[in-house]
Amino acid sequence: MDDEEKIKLTNSEGAIVIRDNSMPEIYAPLEVGDRGDSVRFTLAFLLYAIEREDWVMEFGDFVGTLQDKVDENLIKAKRSKFEVIDGDKK
């Protein structure tokens, strides 16, 4: 592993690292106390959530809905740049 690929965390930080062609790496904070406990709880919750197929499906639907709204807003924004001109021939 190159120095650029190494992850440097403080004692109060934690991480889940996902790399190509390898299992996820989980780093829990070493610090004891509220801040370390909060990070450990968050990491545990994320791991739990990943195992919940119903949550993953629901989240996928949620992301799809958000993307639809973003696409809809982009279309509206592009359309708002055009001016309709009365081209009625007499």
C-alpha atoms as a PDB file:
ATOM      1  CA  MET A   1       0.000   0.000   0.000  1.00  0.00           C
ATOM      2  CA  ASP A   2       1.340   3.420  -0.989  1.00  0.00           C
ATOM      3  CA  ASP A   3       1.627   6.200   1.564  1.00  0.00           C
ATOM      4  CA  GLU A   4      -1.121   7.974  -0.403  1.00  0.00           C
ATOM      5  CA  GLU A   5      -3.498   5.044   0.245  1.00  0.00           C
ATOM      6  CA  LYS A   6      -2.899   4.909   3.995  1.00  0.00           C
ATOM      7  CA  ILE A   7      -5.679   6.235   6.143  1.00  0.00           C
ATOM      8  CA  LYS A   8      -4.679   8.349   9.115  1.00  0.00           C
ATOM      9  CA  LEU A   9      -7.256   8.696  11.876  1.00  0.00           C
ATOM     10  CA  THR A  10      -7.056  10.391  15.224  1.00  0.00           C
ATOM     11  CA  ASN A  11      -8.005   8.466  18.390  1.00  0.00           C
ATOM     12  CA  SER A  12     -11.517   9.923  18.196  1.00  0.00           C
ATOM     13  CA  GLU A  13     -12.172   9.118  14.525  1.00  0.00           C
ATOM     14  CA  GLY A  14     -13.560   6.008  12.916  1.00  0.00           C
ATOM     15  CA  ALA A  15     -14.118   4.855   9.354  1.00  0.00           C
ATOM     16  CA  ILE A  16     -15.492   2.185   7.069  1.00  0.00           C
ATOM     17  CA  VAL A  17     -13.194   1.826   4.055  1.00  0.00           C
ATOM     18  CA  ILE A  18     -14.372   0.077   0.921  1.00  0.00           C
ATOM     19  CA  ARG A  19     -11.704  -0.719  -1.662  1.00  0.00           C
ATOM     20  CA  ASP A  20     -11.892  -2.489  -4.994  1.00  0.00           C
ATOM     21  CA  ASN A  21     -11.636  -6.270  -4.757  1.00  0.00           C
ATOM     22  CA  SER A  22     -11.417  -6.464  -0.972  1.00  0.00           C
ATOM     23  CA  MET A  23     -13.589  -6.754   2.106  1.00  0.00           C
ATOM     24  CA  PRO A  24     -14.648  -3.521   3.841  1.00  0.00           C
ATOM     25  CA  GLU A  25     -12.284  -2.357   6.564  1.00  0.00           C
ATOM     26  CA  ILE A  26     -13.758  -1.014   9.794  1.00  0.00           C
ATOM     27  CA  TYR A  27     -11.783   1.255  12.069  1.00  0.00           C
ATOM     28  CA  ALA A  28     -13.354   2.110  15.417  1.00  0.00           C
ATOM     29  CA  PRO A  29     -12.069   5.036  17.471  1.00  0.00           C
ATOM     30  CA  LEU A  30      -9.668   4.287  20.309  1.00  0.00           C
ATOM     31  CA  GLU A  31     -10.885   7.189  22.436  1.00  0.00           C
ATOM     32  CA  VAL A  32     -13.110   6.406  25.405  1.00  0.00           C
ATOM     33  CA  GLY A  33     -15.915   8.855  26.093  1.00  0.00           C
ATOM     34  CA  ASP A  34     -18.887  10.488  24.428  1.00  0.00           C
ATOM     35  CA  ARG A  35     -17.197  11.377  21.153  1.00  0.00           C
ATOM     36  CA  GLY A  36     -15.667   7.913  20.642  1.00  0.00           C
ATOM     37  CA  ASP A  37     -18.914   6.230  21.713  1.00  0.00           C
ATOM     38  CA  SER A  38     -20.864   8.345  19.233  1.00  0.00           C
ATOM     39  CA  VAL A  39     -18.610   7.309  16.342  1.00  0.00           C
ATOM     40  CA  ARG A  40     -18.716   3.637  17.407  1.00  0.00           C
ATOM     41  CA  PHE A  41     -22.530   3.788  17.579  1.00  0.00           C
ATOM     42  CA  THR A  42     -22.698   5.338  14.099  1.00  0.00           C
ATOM     43  CA  LEU A  43     -20.413   2.660  12.646  1.00  0.00           C
ATOM     44  CA  ALA A  44     -22.460  -0.084  14.317  1.00  0.00           C
ATOM     45  CA  PHE A  45     -25.701   1.413  12.997  1.00  0.00           C
ATOM     46  CA  LEU A  46     -24.334   1.576   9.442  1.00  0.00           C
ATOM     47  CA  LEU A  47     -23.231  -2.056   9.604  1.00  0.00           C
ATOM     48  CA  TYR A  48     -26.658  -3.047  10.943  1.00  0.00           C
ATOM     49  CA  ALA A  49     -28.449  -1.023   8.266  1.00  0.00           C
ATOM     50  CA  ILE A  50     -26.472  -2.678   5.477  1.00  0.00           C
ATOM     51  CA  GLU A  51     -27.709  -6.073   6.645  1.00  0.00           C
ATOM     52  CA  ARG A  52     -31.362  -4.958   6.534  1.00  0.00           C
ATOM     53  CA  GLU A  53     -32.429  -5.750   2.977  1.00  0.00           C
ATOM     54  CA  ASP A  54     -35.791  -4.025   3.509  1.00  0.00           C
ATOM     55  CA  TRP A  55     -33.981  -0.840   4.586  1.00  0.00           C
ATOM     56  CA  VAL A  56     -31.622  -1.021   1.629  1.00  0.00           C
ATOM     57  CA  MET A  57     -34.578  -1.389  -0.773  1.00  0.00           C
ATOM     58  CA  GLU A  58     -36.454   1.452   0.924  1.00  0.00           C
ATOM     59  CA  PHE A  59     -33.369   3.645   0.764  1.00  0.00           C
ATOM     60  CA  GLY A  60     -32.960   2.825  -2.936  1.00  0.00           C
ATOM     61  CA  ASP A  61     -36.549   3.939  -3.534  1.00  0.00           C
ATOM     62  CA  PHE A  62     -35.889   7.130  -1.537  1.00  0.00           C
ATOM     63  CA  VAL A  63     -32.780   7.934  -3.609  1.00  0.00           C
ATOM     64  CA  GLY A  64     -34.730   7.255  -6.812  1.00  0.00           C
ATOM     65  CA  THR A  65     -37.460   9.659  -5.723  1.00  0.00           C
ATOM     66  CA  LEU A  66     -34.878  12.341  -4.914  1.00  0.00           C
ATOM     67  CA  GLN A  67     -33.217  11.850  -8.296  1.00  0.00           C
ATOM     68  CA  ASP A  68     -36.585  12.186 -10.052  1.00  0.00           C
ATOM     69  CA  LYS A  69     -37.179  15.493  -8.229  1.00  0.00           C
ATOM     70  CA  VAL A  70     -33.700  16.748  -9.150  1.00  0.00           C
ATOM     71  CA  ASP A  71     -34.279  15.797 -12.804  1.00  0.00           C
ATOM     72  CA  GLU A  72     -37.689  17.489 -12.738  1.00  0.00           C
ATOM     73  CA  ASN A  73     -36.197  20.674 -11.252  1.00  0.00           C
ATOM     74  CA  LEU A  74     -33.408  20.694 -13.858  1.00  0.00           C
ATOM     75  CA  ILE A  75     -35.971  20.427 -16.652  1.00  0.00           C
ATOM     76  CA  LYS A  76     -38.021  23.272 -15.138  1.00  0.00           C
ATOM     77  CA  ALA A  77     -34.882  25.408 -14.787  1.00  0.00           C
ATOM     78  CA  LYS A  78     -33.908  24.813 -18.415  1.00  0.00           C
ATOM     79  CA  ARG A  79     -37.432  25.550 -19.638  1.00  0.00           C
ATOM     80  CA  SER A  80     -37.565  28.781 -17.640  1.00  0.00           C
ATOM     81  CA  LYS A  81     -34.719  30.154 -19.770  1.00  0.00           C
ATOM     82  CA  PHE A  82     -36.902  30.119 -22.875  1.00  0.00           C
ATOM     83  CA  GLU A  83     -39.320  32.855 -23.753  1.00  0.00           C
ATOM     84  CA  VAL A  84     -42.523  32.037 -25.592  1.00  0.00           C
ATOM     85  CA  ILE A  85     -43.089  34.441 -28.474  1.00  0.00           C
ATOM     86  CA  ASP A  86     -46.524  34.925 -29.989  1.00  0.00           C
ATOM     87  CA  GLY A  87     -45.968  33.832 -33.566  1.00  0.00           C
ATOM     88  CA  ASP A  88     -49.560  34.170 -34.693  1.00  0.00           C
ATOM     89  CA  LYS A  89     -49.744  34.952 -38.400  1.00  0.00           C
ATOM     90  CA  LYS A  90     -52.426  37.410 -39.534  1.00  0.00           C
END
